[in-house]
Amino acid sequence: MTTETPSTPPTDTAAGLPRGRTAPLDRVEADRLFRDGVALFNGARYWHAHEAWETLWRAAEDQERPFYQGLIQVAAGLFHLQRRNTRGARNKLGEGVEKLRPYEPVHLGIFVNELIGRADRVLVELRAGHTPHLIPPVIRYADAARGDRSR
């Protein structure tokens, strides 16, 4: 007779975290990584922005993970577009936009709605079969003076 146990996600036995997850970051480090990612993104260094945000995504609480994953996917889509991979660009941009929509209009101090609007314009061109000339979108802070990090 065999005994079945409920399925649980694989864990990193050393930290007790699900595989691929890391311990939470302190607020100062998380803010630095987020802002570094935005600066890299705004400099059209999409791969590097993706890497900075991936660190945040791995350490984020469950309710924030889709936000970071959306940023990562938008950056990946724009990276594909830089490389003229229209299929990869279309897929990643579309996935990223859908993940970011619940965080509109502003989340963690950035205008998510503007980023989605710019990505949607690129998607329209891609879905029409065109390879748009990439005018790099810029992520804007909602209130840089106050450092507002609310939705």
N, C-alpha and C. Protein backbone atom coordinates (compact mmCIF):
# COMPACT_ATOMS: atom_id res chain seq x y z
N MET A 1 0.84 -1.17 0.00
CA MET A 1 0.00 0.00 0.00
C MET A 1 0.90 1.25 0.00
N THR A 2 0.59 2.19 -0.90
CA THR A 2 1.37 3.42 -0.97
C THR A 2 0.58 4.57 -0.37
N THR A 3 1.29 5.46 0.22
CA THR A 3 0.66 6.63 0.79
C THR A 3 1.02 7.83 -0.07
N GLU A 4 0.00 8.55 -0.53
CA GLU A 4 0.24 9.73 -1.34
C GLU A 4 0.31 10.95 -0.45
N THR A 5 1.23 11.83 -0.79
CA THR A 5 1.33 13.09 -0.04
C THR A 5 0.90 14.22 -0.96
N PRO A 6 0.34 15.26 -0.41
CA PRO A 6 -0.07 16.37 -1.26
C PRO A 6 1.13 16.97 -1.99
N SER A 7 0.87 17.42 -3.19
CA SER A 7 1.94 18.03 -3.99
C SER A 7 2.29 19.40 -3.42
N THR A 8 3.57 19.61 -3.20
CA THR A 8 4.05 20.91 -2.74
C THR A 8 5.11 21.38 -3.71
N PRO A 9 5.23 22.69 -3.87
CA PRO A 9 6.25 23.18 -4.80
C PRO A 9 7.64 22.82 -4.30
N PRO A 10 8.55 22.54 -5.24
CA PRO A 10 9.92 22.24 -4.83
C PRO A 10 10.51 23.43 -4.07
N THR A 11 11.29 23.14 -3.05
CA THR A 11 11.88 24.21 -2.27
C THR A 11 13.39 24.11 -2.28
N ASP A 12 13.99 25.26 -2.05
CA ASP A 12 15.42 25.33 -1.83
C ASP A 12 15.59 24.93 -0.37
N THR A 13 16.17 23.76 -0.14
CA THR A 13 16.22 23.24 1.23
C THR A 13 17.01 24.12 2.18
N ALA A 14 17.98 24.86 1.69
CA ALA A 14 18.79 25.69 2.58
C ALA A 14 17.98 26.84 3.16
N ALA A 15 17.15 27.48 2.35
CA ALA A 15 16.41 28.65 2.81
C ALA A 15 14.93 28.38 3.04
N GLY A 16 14.43 27.22 2.60
CA GLY A 16 13.01 26.92 2.72
C GLY A 16 12.14 27.72 1.78
N LEU A 17 12.71 28.26 0.72
CA LEU A 17 11.98 29.07 -0.26
C LEU A 17 11.66 28.23 -1.48
N PRO A 18 10.58 28.58 -2.20
CA PRO A 18 10.32 27.88 -3.46
C PRO A 18 11.51 28.04 -4.41
N ARG A 19 11.72 27.05 -5.24
CA ARG A 19 12.85 27.07 -6.18
C ARG A 19 12.79 28.35 -7.03
N GLY A 20 13.95 28.98 -7.18
CA GLY A 20 14.04 30.19 -7.97
C GLY A 20 13.77 31.47 -7.20
N ARG A 21 13.32 31.33 -5.97
CA ARG A 21 13.03 32.51 -5.14
C ARG A 21 14.21 32.79 -4.22
N THR A 22 14.34 34.05 -3.84
CA THR A 22 15.39 34.44 -2.92
C THR A 22 14.76 35.13 -1.72
N ALA A 23 15.54 35.30 -0.69
CA ALA A 23 15.05 35.99 0.50
C ALA A 23 14.71 37.43 0.15
N PRO A 24 13.75 38.02 0.85
CA PRO A 24 13.39 39.41 0.59
C PRO A 24 14.60 40.34 0.73
N LEU A 25 14.60 41.38 -0.09
CA LEU A 25 15.66 42.38 -0.05
C LEU A 25 15.26 43.48 0.93
N ASP A 26 16.25 44.14 1.50
CA ASP A 26 15.90 45.29 2.34
C ASP A 26 15.41 46.41 1.43
N ARG A 27 14.63 47.30 1.98
CA ARG A 27 13.95 48.35 1.21
C ARG A 27 14.94 49.22 0.43
N VAL A 28 16.06 49.56 1.01
CA VAL A 28 17.05 50.42 0.34
C VAL A 28 17.61 49.71 -0.89
N GLU A 29 17.98 48.44 -0.74
CA GLU A 29 18.52 47.67 -1.87
C GLU A 29 17.46 47.47 -2.95
N ALA A 30 16.24 47.16 -2.55
CA ALA A 30 15.17 46.97 -3.52
C ALA A 30 14.91 48.27 -4.30
N ASP A 31 14.89 49.39 -3.62
CA ASP A 31 14.67 50.67 -4.28
C ASP A 31 15.82 50.98 -5.24
N ARG A 32 17.04 50.70 -4.84
CA ARG A 32 18.20 50.93 -5.71
C ARG A 32 18.10 50.09 -6.98
N LEU A 33 17.78 48.81 -6.83
CA LEU A 33 17.66 47.93 -8.00
C LEU A 33 16.53 48.38 -8.92
N PHE A 34 15.42 48.79 -8.32
CA PHE A 34 14.29 49.24 -9.13
C PHE A 34 14.68 50.47 -9.95
N ARG A 35 15.28 51.46 -9.28
CA ARG A 35 15.69 52.69 -9.96
C ARG A 35 16.80 52.43 -10.98
N ASP A 36 17.72 51.53 -10.67
CA ASP A 36 18.74 51.15 -11.65
C ASP A 36 18.08 50.54 -12.88
N GLY A 37 17.11 49.66 -12.67
CA GLY A 37 16.39 49.06 -13.79
C GLY A 37 15.69 50.09 -14.64
N VAL A 38 15.05 51.07 -14.01
CA VAL A 38 14.39 52.13 -14.76
C VAL A 38 15.41 52.93 -15.57
N ALA A 39 16.52 53.28 -14.95
CA ALA A 39 17.56 54.05 -15.67
C ALA A 39 18.10 53.25 -16.85
N LEU A 40 18.33 51.97 -16.66
CA LEU A 40 18.82 51.13 -17.76
C LEU A 40 17.78 51.04 -18.87
N PHE A 41 16.52 50.84 -18.50
CA PHE A 41 15.43 50.78 -19.46
C PHE A 41 15.37 52.09 -20.25
N ASN A 42 15.41 53.21 -19.54
CA ASN A 42 15.32 54.51 -20.19
C ASN A 42 16.53 54.79 -21.09
N GLY A 43 17.62 54.09 -20.88
CA GLY A 43 18.79 54.18 -21.74
C GLY A 43 18.78 53.15 -22.85
N ALA A 44 17.64 52.47 -23.05
CA ALA A 44 17.47 51.44 -24.08
C ALA A 44 18.40 50.25 -23.85
N ARG A 45 18.79 50.02 -22.61
CA ARG A 45 19.61 48.86 -22.25
C ARG A 45 18.68 47.82 -21.63
N TYR A 46 17.83 47.27 -22.48
CA TYR A 46 16.72 46.44 -22.03
C TYR A 46 17.18 45.14 -21.36
N TRP A 47 18.22 44.53 -21.88
CA TRP A 47 18.70 43.29 -21.26
C TRP A 47 19.17 43.56 -19.83
N HIS A 48 19.89 44.63 -19.63
CA HIS A 48 20.41 44.95 -18.30
C HIS A 48 19.29 45.35 -17.34
N ALA A 49 18.28 46.06 -17.85
CA ALA A 49 17.11 46.39 -17.02
C ALA A 49 16.42 45.10 -16.58
N HIS A 50 16.27 44.19 -17.51
CA HIS A 50 15.67 42.89 -17.23
C HIS A 50 16.41 42.19 -16.10
N GLU A 51 17.73 42.22 -16.14
CA GLU A 51 18.53 41.56 -15.10
C GLU A 51 18.33 42.21 -13.73
N ALA A 52 18.30 43.54 -13.68
CA ALA A 52 18.09 44.23 -12.40
C ALA A 52 16.72 43.88 -11.84
N TRP A 53 15.70 43.90 -12.69
CA TRP A 53 14.34 43.62 -12.21
C TRP A 53 14.14 42.15 -11.88
N GLU A 54 14.89 41.28 -12.52
CA GLU A 54 14.76 39.85 -12.20
C GLU A 54 15.18 39.58 -10.77
N THR A 55 16.19 40.28 -10.30
CA THR A 55 16.60 40.13 -8.91
C THR A 55 15.46 40.52 -7.98
N LEU A 56 14.75 41.60 -8.31
CA LEU A 56 13.59 42.02 -7.51
C LEU A 56 12.47 41.00 -7.60
N TRP A 57 12.20 40.50 -8.78
CA TRP A 57 11.13 39.53 -9.00
C TRP A 57 11.36 38.27 -8.15
N ARG A 58 12.59 37.80 -8.11
CA ARG A 58 12.89 36.58 -7.34
C ARG A 58 12.69 36.79 -5.84
N ALA A 59 12.89 38.02 -5.36
CA ALA A 59 12.79 38.30 -3.93
C ALA A 59 11.43 38.88 -3.53
N ALA A 60 10.60 39.21 -4.50
CA ALA A 60 9.35 39.93 -4.23
C ALA A 60 8.29 39.06 -3.55
N GLU A 61 7.41 39.75 -2.82
CA GLU A 61 6.23 39.09 -2.25
C GLU A 61 5.30 38.73 -3.39
N ASP A 62 4.43 37.76 -3.17
CA ASP A 62 3.57 37.24 -4.23
C ASP A 62 2.77 38.31 -4.97
N GLN A 63 2.23 39.31 -4.26
CA GLN A 63 1.39 40.31 -4.92
C GLN A 63 2.18 41.25 -5.82
N GLU A 64 3.50 41.33 -5.64
CA GLU A 64 4.34 42.21 -6.46
C GLU A 64 5.00 41.47 -7.63
N ARG A 65 5.05 40.16 -7.56
CA ARG A 65 5.75 39.40 -8.59
C ARG A 65 5.22 39.66 -10.01
N PRO A 66 3.90 39.72 -10.24
CA PRO A 66 3.44 39.99 -11.61
C PRO A 66 3.87 41.36 -12.13
N PHE A 67 3.97 42.35 -11.25
CA PHE A 67 4.42 43.67 -11.67
C PHE A 67 5.85 43.60 -12.21
N TYR A 68 6.74 43.00 -11.43
CA TYR A 68 8.13 42.89 -11.89
C TYR A 68 8.23 42.02 -13.13
N GLN A 69 7.45 40.94 -13.17
CA GLN A 69 7.49 40.08 -14.35
C GLN A 69 7.01 40.85 -15.58
N GLY A 70 6.00 41.70 -15.41
CA GLY A 70 5.53 42.52 -16.53
C GLY A 70 6.61 43.46 -17.03
N LEU A 71 7.32 44.12 -16.12
CA LEU A 71 8.43 44.99 -16.53
C LEU A 71 9.50 44.20 -17.27
N ILE A 72 9.83 43.03 -16.74
CA ILE A 72 10.83 42.17 -17.36
C ILE A 72 10.41 41.79 -18.77
N GLN A 73 9.14 41.42 -18.93
CA GLN A 73 8.67 40.99 -20.25
C GLN A 73 8.61 42.13 -21.24
N VAL A 74 8.23 43.33 -20.80
CA VAL A 74 8.25 44.48 -21.70
C VAL A 74 9.70 44.77 -22.13
N ALA A 75 10.62 44.74 -21.18
CA ALA A 75 12.02 44.96 -21.53
C ALA A 75 12.51 43.88 -22.50
N ALA A 76 12.12 42.64 -22.26
CA ALA A 76 12.53 41.54 -23.16
C ALA A 76 11.94 41.75 -24.56
N GLY A 77 10.68 42.19 -24.62
CA GLY A 77 10.06 42.45 -25.91
C GLY A 77 10.78 43.54 -26.69
N LEU A 78 11.18 44.59 -26.00
CA LEU A 78 11.91 45.67 -26.67
C LEU A 78 13.32 45.22 -27.07
N PHE A 79 13.92 44.36 -26.27
CA PHE A 79 15.21 43.79 -26.63
C PHE A 79 15.08 42.96 -27.91
N HIS A 80 14.00 42.16 -28.00
CA HIS A 80 13.76 41.38 -29.23
C HIS A 80 13.57 42.32 -30.42
N LEU A 81 12.85 43.41 -30.21
CA LEU A 81 12.62 44.36 -31.30
C LEU A 81 13.94 44.99 -31.75
N GLN A 82 14.83 45.32 -30.82
CA GLN A 82 16.14 45.84 -31.19
C GLN A 82 16.88 44.86 -32.10
N ARG A 83 16.66 43.58 -31.87
CA ARG A 83 17.33 42.54 -32.64
C ARG A 83 16.53 42.11 -33.87
N ARG A 84 15.42 42.82 -34.11
CA ARG A 84 14.55 42.56 -35.28
C ARG A 84 13.85 41.21 -35.21
N ASN A 85 13.65 40.69 -34.03
CA ASN A 85 12.89 39.46 -33.83
C ASN A 85 11.46 39.88 -33.52
N THR A 86 10.66 40.07 -34.57
CA THR A 86 9.31 40.62 -34.39
C THR A 86 8.39 39.66 -33.65
N ARG A 87 8.54 38.39 -33.88
CA ARG A 87 7.68 37.42 -33.18
C ARG A 87 7.96 37.45 -31.68
N GLY A 88 9.23 37.41 -31.28
CA GLY A 88 9.59 37.47 -29.87
C GLY A 88 9.14 38.79 -29.24
N ALA A 89 9.30 39.88 -30.00
CA ALA A 89 8.89 41.19 -29.50
C ALA A 89 7.39 41.22 -29.25
N ARG A 90 6.62 40.75 -30.21
CA ARG A 90 5.16 40.73 -30.09
C ARG A 90 4.71 39.89 -28.90
N ASN A 91 5.29 38.71 -28.76
CA ASN A 91 4.89 37.82 -27.67
C ASN A 91 5.23 38.39 -26.30
N LYS A 92 6.46 38.83 -26.11
CA LYS A 92 6.89 39.33 -24.80
C LYS A 92 6.20 40.64 -24.44
N LEU A 93 6.08 41.56 -25.41
CA LEU A 93 5.38 42.81 -25.12
C LEU A 93 3.93 42.55 -24.72
N GLY A 94 3.27 41.67 -25.44
CA GLY A 94 1.88 41.35 -25.13
C GLY A 94 1.72 40.75 -23.74
N GLU A 95 2.61 39.81 -23.40
CA GLU A 95 2.55 39.19 -22.07
C GLU A 95 2.83 40.23 -20.97
N GLY A 96 3.82 41.08 -21.21
CA GLY A 96 4.19 42.08 -20.22
C GLY A 96 3.08 43.09 -19.98
N VAL A 97 2.46 43.56 -21.05
CA VAL A 97 1.38 44.53 -20.93
C VAL A 97 0.23 43.94 -20.10
N GLU A 98 -0.12 42.71 -20.36
CA GLU A 98 -1.22 42.09 -19.60
C GLU A 98 -0.89 41.96 -18.12
N LYS A 99 0.35 41.66 -17.80
CA LYS A 99 0.75 41.56 -16.39
C LYS A 99 0.73 42.93 -15.70
N LEU A 100 1.03 43.99 -16.46
CA LEU A 100 1.10 45.33 -15.87
C LEU A 100 -0.26 46.01 -15.71
N ARG A 101 -1.26 45.61 -16.49
CA ARG A 101 -2.56 46.31 -16.46
C ARG A 101 -3.16 46.45 -15.06
N PRO A 102 -3.11 45.43 -14.21
CA PRO A 102 -3.71 45.59 -12.87
C PRO A 102 -3.03 46.66 -12.02
N TYR A 103 -1.87 47.12 -12.42
CA TYR A 103 -1.11 48.08 -11.63
C TYR A 103 -1.28 49.52 -12.14
N GLU A 104 -2.15 49.72 -13.12
CA GLU A 104 -2.41 51.07 -13.63
C GLU A 104 -3.17 51.88 -12.59
N PRO A 105 -3.06 53.17 -12.60
CA PRO A 105 -2.25 54.00 -13.48
C PRO A 105 -0.82 54.17 -12.99
N VAL A 106 -0.62 54.15 -11.66
CA VAL A 106 0.71 54.38 -11.08
C VAL A 106 0.99 53.28 -10.07
N HIS A 107 2.21 52.75 -10.12
CA HIS A 107 2.61 51.75 -9.13
C HIS A 107 4.11 51.92 -8.87
N LEU A 108 4.48 51.80 -7.63
CA LEU A 108 5.86 52.00 -7.19
C LEU A 108 6.43 53.32 -7.73
N GLY A 109 5.55 54.30 -7.85
CA GLY A 109 6.00 55.63 -8.23
C GLY A 109 6.21 55.87 -9.70
N ILE A 110 5.87 54.92 -10.56
CA ILE A 110 6.03 55.13 -12.01
C ILE A 110 4.67 55.11 -12.70
N PHE A 111 4.60 55.83 -13.82
CA PHE A 111 3.38 55.85 -14.62
C PHE A 111 3.30 54.56 -15.44
N VAL A 112 2.64 53.57 -14.90
CA VAL A 112 2.47 52.28 -15.59
C VAL A 112 1.58 52.48 -16.82
N ASN A 113 0.57 53.34 -16.71
CA ASN A 113 -0.34 53.55 -17.84
C ASN A 113 0.40 54.09 -19.07
N GLU A 114 1.38 54.96 -18.87
CA GLU A 114 2.15 55.47 -20.01
C GLU A 114 2.99 54.38 -20.65
N LEU A 115 3.62 53.55 -19.84
CA LEU A 115 4.42 52.45 -20.37
C LEU A 115 3.55 51.50 -21.18
N ILE A 116 2.38 51.18 -20.65
CA ILE A 116 1.45 50.31 -21.36
C ILE A 116 1.02 50.95 -22.68
N GLY A 117 0.71 52.25 -22.65
CA GLY A 117 0.29 52.94 -23.87
C GLY A 117 1.35 52.89 -24.96
N ARG A 118 2.60 53.10 -24.57
CA ARG A 118 3.69 53.06 -25.55
C ARG A 118 3.90 51.64 -26.07
N ALA A 119 3.84 50.67 -25.19
CA ALA A 119 3.99 49.27 -25.62
C ALA A 119 2.82 48.87 -26.53
N ASP A 120 1.62 49.32 -26.21
CA ASP A 120 0.46 49.01 -27.06
C ASP A 120 0.63 49.57 -28.46
N ARG A 121 1.21 50.76 -28.60
CA ARG A 121 1.42 51.34 -29.94
C ARG A 121 2.41 50.49 -30.75
N VAL A 122 3.43 49.99 -30.09
CA VAL A 122 4.38 49.10 -30.77
C VAL A 122 3.68 47.81 -31.17
N LEU A 123 2.86 47.29 -30.27
CA LEU A 123 2.13 46.05 -30.55
C LEU A 123 1.19 46.18 -31.74
N VAL A 124 0.53 47.32 -31.88
CA VAL A 124 -0.37 47.55 -33.02
C VAL A 124 0.41 47.39 -34.32
N GLU A 125 1.59 48.01 -34.38
CA GLU A 125 2.43 47.90 -35.57
C GLU A 125 2.88 46.46 -35.82
N LEU A 126 3.32 45.80 -34.76
CA LEU A 126 3.79 44.42 -34.91
C LEU A 126 2.66 43.50 -35.36
N ARG A 127 1.48 43.67 -34.78
CA ARG A 127 0.34 42.81 -35.14
C ARG A 127 -0.14 43.07 -36.56
N ALA A 128 0.15 44.27 -37.09
CA ALA A 128 -0.20 44.60 -38.48
C ALA A 128 0.85 44.09 -39.46
N GLY A 129 1.89 43.45 -38.92
CA GLY A 129 2.93 42.89 -39.78
C GLY A 129 4.06 43.84 -40.08
N HIS A 130 4.10 44.98 -39.40
CA HIS A 130 5.16 45.96 -39.61
C HIS A 130 6.24 45.80 -38.54
N THR A 131 7.45 46.15 -38.90
CA THR A 131 8.53 46.23 -37.93
C THR A 131 8.72 47.71 -37.64
N PRO A 132 8.19 48.18 -36.51
CA PRO A 132 8.26 49.61 -36.24
C PRO A 132 9.68 50.07 -35.96
N HIS A 133 9.93 51.32 -36.32
CA HIS A 133 11.18 51.95 -35.93
C HIS A 133 11.07 52.20 -34.43
N LEU A 134 12.02 51.70 -33.68
CA LEU A 134 11.93 51.79 -32.22
C LEU A 134 12.36 53.17 -31.73
N ILE A 135 11.38 53.91 -31.26
CA ILE A 135 11.66 55.13 -30.51
C ILE A 135 11.52 54.70 -29.07
N PRO A 136 12.63 54.60 -28.37
CA PRO A 136 12.60 53.98 -27.04
C PRO A 136 11.61 54.66 -26.09
N PRO A 137 10.72 53.86 -25.51
CA PRO A 137 9.82 54.41 -24.50
C PRO A 137 10.61 54.78 -23.25
N VAL A 138 10.09 55.71 -22.51
CA VAL A 138 10.73 56.15 -21.28
C VAL A 138 9.75 55.92 -20.14
N ILE A 139 10.25 55.37 -19.06
CA ILE A 139 9.43 55.21 -17.85
C ILE A 139 9.58 56.50 -17.05
N ARG A 140 8.44 57.12 -16.76
CA ARG A 140 8.46 58.37 -15.99
C ARG A 140 7.99 58.12 -14.56
N TYR A 141 8.62 58.84 -13.64
CA TYR A 141 8.20 58.79 -12.25
C TYR A 141 7.02 59.72 -12.05
N ALA A 142 6.06 59.29 -11.26
CA ALA A 142 4.86 60.07 -11.00
C ALA A 142 5.18 61.28 -10.13
N ASP A 143 6.01 61.10 -9.14
CA ASP A 143 6.34 62.20 -8.23
C ASP A 143 7.73 61.96 -7.68
N ALA A 144 8.71 62.31 -8.49
CA ALA A 144 10.09 62.05 -8.09
C ALA A 144 10.48 62.82 -6.84
N ALA A 145 9.90 64.00 -6.64
CA ALA A 145 10.26 64.81 -5.47
C ALA A 145 9.85 64.14 -4.17
N ARG A 146 8.66 63.56 -4.15
CA ARG A 146 8.18 62.91 -2.94
C ARG A 146 8.61 61.46 -2.85
N GLY A 147 8.98 60.87 -3.98
CA GLY A 147 9.35 59.46 -3.97
C GLY A 147 8.15 58.57 -3.68
N ASP A 148 6.97 58.97 -4.16
CA ASP A 148 5.73 58.25 -3.92
C ASP A 148 5.82 56.84 -4.49
N ARG A 149 5.64 55.83 -3.65
CA ARG A 149 5.73 54.44 -4.07
C ARG A 149 4.39 53.74 -3.95
N SER A 150 3.29 54.49 -3.97
CA SER A 150 1.97 53.89 -3.84
C SER A 150 1.36 53.64 -5.20
N ARG A 151 0.28 52.90 -5.21
CA ARG A 151 -0.45 52.66 -6.44
C ARG A 151 -1.15 53.88 -6.89
